[in-house]
Amino acid sequence: MITAAQLRAARALLGIDQRQLADLCGLSVPTIQRMEASEDVIRGNVDSLMKLIAALETSGVELISDGGVSQGGGRGVRLRTSAKDPDARLGKDSAPPGPRAA
């Protein structure tokens, strides 16, 4: 399970916007927007949730569940220390994402 707050935090850690996350996991931008606007635990199509979680984990994000090992307890996210290169985390050969034109 992943919460909307975890999703927003994970995206912030990676330094990507909703469109870039949508591209990474093969979902639409409106789907990402709906997930991030959820009240708490994201509910939705199981296939979509699996794609989202897999893309985050491949990018170097570790999701911490309520019972996960964490100093403060509770849910959270963190970057794995083995994924130091941002391009490697994002699965890309190019420079890190920059600001996008509207």
Protein backbone atom coordinates (compact mmCIF):
# COMPACT_ATOMS: atom_id res chain seq x y z
CA MET A 1 0.00 0.00 0.00
CA ILE A 2 1.06 3.56 -0.67
CA THR A 3 -0.46 6.80 0.56
CA ALA A 4 -0.92 10.00 -1.41
CA ALA A 5 1.58 11.73 0.91
CA GLN A 6 4.17 9.02 0.22
CA LEU A 7 3.63 9.40 -3.51
CA ARG A 8 4.11 13.18 -3.39
CA ALA A 9 7.19 12.78 -1.18
CA ALA A 10 8.69 10.12 -3.45
CA ARG A 11 8.22 12.34 -6.49
CA ALA A 12 9.83 15.24 -4.63
CA LEU A 13 12.83 13.08 -3.64
CA LEU A 14 13.31 12.11 -7.27
CA GLY A 15 12.91 15.72 -8.41
CA ILE A 16 10.35 14.88 -11.07
CA ASP A 17 6.96 16.28 -11.99
CA GLN A 18 3.70 14.39 -12.49
CA ARG A 19 4.24 14.04 -16.25
CA GLN A 20 7.68 12.50 -15.75
CA LEU A 21 6.29 10.07 -13.17
CA ALA A 22 3.46 9.16 -15.54
CA ASP A 23 6.03 8.43 -18.26
CA LEU A 24 8.12 6.31 -15.88
CA CYS A 25 5.25 4.07 -14.86
CA GLY A 26 3.19 4.08 -18.05
CA LEU A 27 0.14 5.79 -16.56
CA SER A 28 -1.69 8.94 -17.57
CA VAL A 29 -1.10 12.31 -15.92
CA PRO A 30 -4.77 12.47 -14.75
CA THR A 31 -4.29 9.08 -13.05
CA ILE A 32 -1.22 10.37 -11.19
CA GLN A 33 -3.15 13.54 -10.25
CA ARG A 34 -6.05 11.47 -8.86
CA MET A 35 -3.67 9.30 -6.88
CA GLU A 36 -1.90 12.31 -5.36
CA ALA A 37 -5.23 13.95 -4.49
CA SER A 38 -6.40 10.90 -2.51
CA GLU A 39 -7.23 11.36 1.16
CA ASP A 40 -4.92 8.65 2.53
CA VAL A 41 -4.16 5.20 1.08
CA ILE A 42 -4.36 5.29 -2.70
CA ARG A 43 -7.12 3.10 -4.05
CA GLY A 44 -7.41 2.14 -7.65
CA ASN A 45 -6.74 -0.42 -10.30
CA VAL A 46 -4.31 -3.02 -8.96
CA ASP A 47 -2.34 -3.06 -12.22
CA SER A 48 -1.90 0.73 -12.07
CA LEU A 49 -0.76 0.61 -8.44
CA MET A 50 1.73 -2.16 -9.24
CA LYS A 51 3.16 -0.13 -12.15
CA LEU A 52 3.48 2.94 -9.93
CA ILE A 53 5.20 1.12 -7.08
CA ALA A 54 7.53 -0.75 -9.45
CA ALA A 55 8.57 2.50 -11.17
CA LEU A 56 9.27 4.17 -7.82
CA GLU A 57 11.29 1.22 -6.56
CA THR A 58 13.26 0.99 -9.82
CA SER A 59 14.02 4.70 -9.48
CA GLY A 60 15.53 4.12 -6.03
CA VAL A 61 12.61 4.99 -3.75
CA GLU A 62 11.97 2.77 -0.77
CA LEU A 63 8.42 2.87 0.61
CA ILE A 64 8.27 2.53 4.39
CA SER A 65 5.06 0.97 5.70
CA ASP A 66 3.55 1.49 9.15
CA GLY A 67 5.40 -1.55 10.47
CA GLY A 68 8.61 -0.84 8.55
CA VAL A 69 11.98 -0.16 10.13
CA SER A 70 12.21 3.58 10.72
CA GLN A 71 13.57 5.68 13.57
CA GLY A 72 10.39 7.69 13.99
CA GLY A 73 7.92 4.96 13.10
CA GLY A 74 4.98 5.45 10.76
CA ARG A 75 4.90 5.59 7.00
CA GLY A 76 7.46 7.32 4.84
CA VAL A 77 9.81 7.19 1.86
CA ARG A 78 13.56 7.30 1.42
CA LEU A 79 16.10 6.94 -1.35
CA ARG A 80 18.18 3.80 -1.30
CA THR A 81 21.86 4.57 -0.77
CA SER A 82 22.81 2.25 -3.63
CA ALA A 83 21.04 4.55 -6.10
CA LYS A 84 23.21 7.66 -5.90
CA ASP A 85 23.25 8.54 -9.61
CA PRO A 86 19.97 10.36 -10.39
CA ASP A 87 20.06 9.21 -14.02
CA ALA A 88 20.48 5.60 -12.94
CA ARG A 89 17.61 5.97 -10.46
CA LEU A 90 15.35 7.31 -13.18
CA GLY A 91 16.48 4.69 -15.68
CA LYS A 92 17.69 7.33 -18.13
CA ASP A 93 20.90 8.15 -19.95
CA SER A 94 20.24 11.89 -20.08
CA ALA A 95 20.59 14.81 -17.69
CA PRO A 96 18.25 15.15 -14.69
CA PRO A 97 14.85 16.70 -15.41
CA GLY A 98 14.68 20.46 -15.45
CA PRO A 99 11.82 22.93 -15.48
CA ARG A 100 9.18 22.28 -18.10
CA ALA A 101 7.49 24.87 -20.26
CA ALA A 102 3.76 25.24 -19.69
